[in-house]
């Protein structure tokens, strides 16, 4: 024997559940949007720090290159001012 129960829906209850579900989804969406704004702000702060670190590193590299150039120039000046013993071989 087959049973075919007829289910009756309570429209007020169904609409209430649908509204509650919609409100929950909207609240979750709003929370995710706020979280996204926070993450983007943090990303922007980190990118600014990274740009600052890159600039600082470039300044260090430039200073090291200038220092090496100054050492080279000093060595050349010392070599020019040094007197050579004519009795010594060049090599």
Protein backbone atom coordinates (compact mmCIF):
# COMPACT_ATOMS: atom_id res chain seq x y z
CA UNK A 1 0.00 0.00 0.00
CA UNK A 2 1.46 3.32 -1.06
CA UNK A 3 1.22 6.33 1.07
CA UNK A 4 1.06 9.72 -0.51
CA UNK A 5 0.95 12.14 2.36
CA UNK A 6 -0.02 15.64 1.48
CA UNK A 7 2.28 18.11 3.11
CA UNK A 8 0.88 21.44 3.96
CA UNK A 9 3.22 24.38 4.11
CA UNK A 10 2.84 27.16 6.57
CA UNK A 11 3.61 30.18 4.41
CA UNK A 12 4.15 32.53 7.34
CA UNK A 13 6.65 30.15 8.89
CA UNK A 14 8.40 29.60 5.54
CA UNK A 15 8.65 33.32 4.85
CA UNK A 16 9.96 33.89 8.36
CA UNK A 17 12.65 31.27 7.86
CA UNK A 18 13.54 32.73 4.46
CA UNK A 19 13.83 36.22 5.95
CA UNK A 20 16.00 34.94 8.78
CA UNK A 21 18.26 33.11 6.32
CA UNK A 22 18.48 36.23 4.14
CA UNK A 23 19.34 38.36 7.17
CA UNK A 24 22.05 35.86 8.18
CA UNK A 25 23.51 35.94 4.66
CA UNK A 26 23.46 39.75 4.61
CA UNK A 27 25.16 39.90 8.03
CA UNK A 28 27.84 37.46 6.88
CA UNK A 29 28.33 39.48 3.68
CA UNK A 30 28.73 42.71 5.66
CA UNK A 31 31.21 41.08 8.04
CA UNK A 32 33.24 39.74 5.10
CA UNK A 33 33.26 43.21 3.53
CA UNK A 34 34.59 44.73 6.75
CA UNK A 35 37.22 42.01 6.95
CA UNK A 36 38.20 42.65 3.33
CA UNK A 37 38.64 46.36 4.06
CA UNK A 38 40.89 45.50 7.02
CA UNK A 39 42.95 43.07 4.93
CA UNK A 40 43.34 45.64 2.13
CA UNK A 41 44.46 48.27 4.65
CA UNK A 42 47.00 45.84 6.10
CA UNK A 43 48.20 44.97 2.59
CA UNK A 44 48.66 48.65 1.77
CA UNK A 45 50.64 49.19 4.98
CA UNK A 46 52.88 46.22 4.18
CA UNK A 47 53.43 47.41 0.62
CA UNK A 48 54.41 50.86 1.91
CA UNK A 49 56.88 49.24 4.31
CA UNK A 50 58.28 47.09 1.50
CA UNK A 51 58.75 50.15 -0.73
CA UNK A 52 60.54 51.89 2.13
CA UNK A 53 62.80 48.86 2.68
CA UNK A 54 63.62 48.69 -1.03
CA UNK A 55 64.57 52.37 -1.03
CA UNK A 56 66.75 51.86 2.03
CA UNK A 57 68.45 48.85 0.44
CA UNK A 58 69.07 50.81 -2.77
CA UNK A 59 70.66 53.57 -0.68
CA UNK A 60 72.92 51.01 1.03
CA UNK A 61 74.01 49.56 -2.33
CA UNK A 62 74.72 53.04 -3.68
CA UNK A 63 76.72 53.96 -0.55
CA UNK A 64 78.77 50.76 -0.83
CA UNK A 65 79.52 51.46 -4.49
CA UNK A 66 80.58 55.01 -3.64
CA UNK A 67 82.77 53.74 -0.82
CA UNK A 68 84.46 51.24 -3.13
CA UNK A 69 85.04 54.04 -5.64
CA UNK A 70 86.60 56.22 -2.94
CA UNK A 71 88.87 53.38 -1.80
CA UNK A 72 89.94 52.83 -5.40
CA UNK A 73 90.63 56.56 -5.83
CA UNK A 74 92.64 56.65 -2.60
CA UNK A 75 94.68 53.67 -3.72
CA UNK A 76 95.40 55.35 -7.05
CA UNK A 77 96.48 58.56 -5.29
CA UNK A 78 98.77 56.62 -2.94
CA UNK A 79 100.32 54.82 -5.89
CA UNK A 80 100.94 58.12 -7.70
CA UNK A 81 102.57 59.76 -4.69
CA UNK A 82 104.73 56.78 -3.73
CA UNK A 83 108.34 57.01 -4.81
CA UNK A 84 109.64 54.08 -6.70
CA UNK A 85 113.08 52.71 -6.01
CA UNK A 86 114.80 52.71 -9.38
CA UNK A 87 116.92 49.73 -8.31
CA UNK A 88 113.88 47.52 -7.78
CA UNK A 89 112.39 45.61 -10.71
CA UNK A 90 108.87 46.55 -11.71
CA UNK A 91 107.51 43.05 -11.20
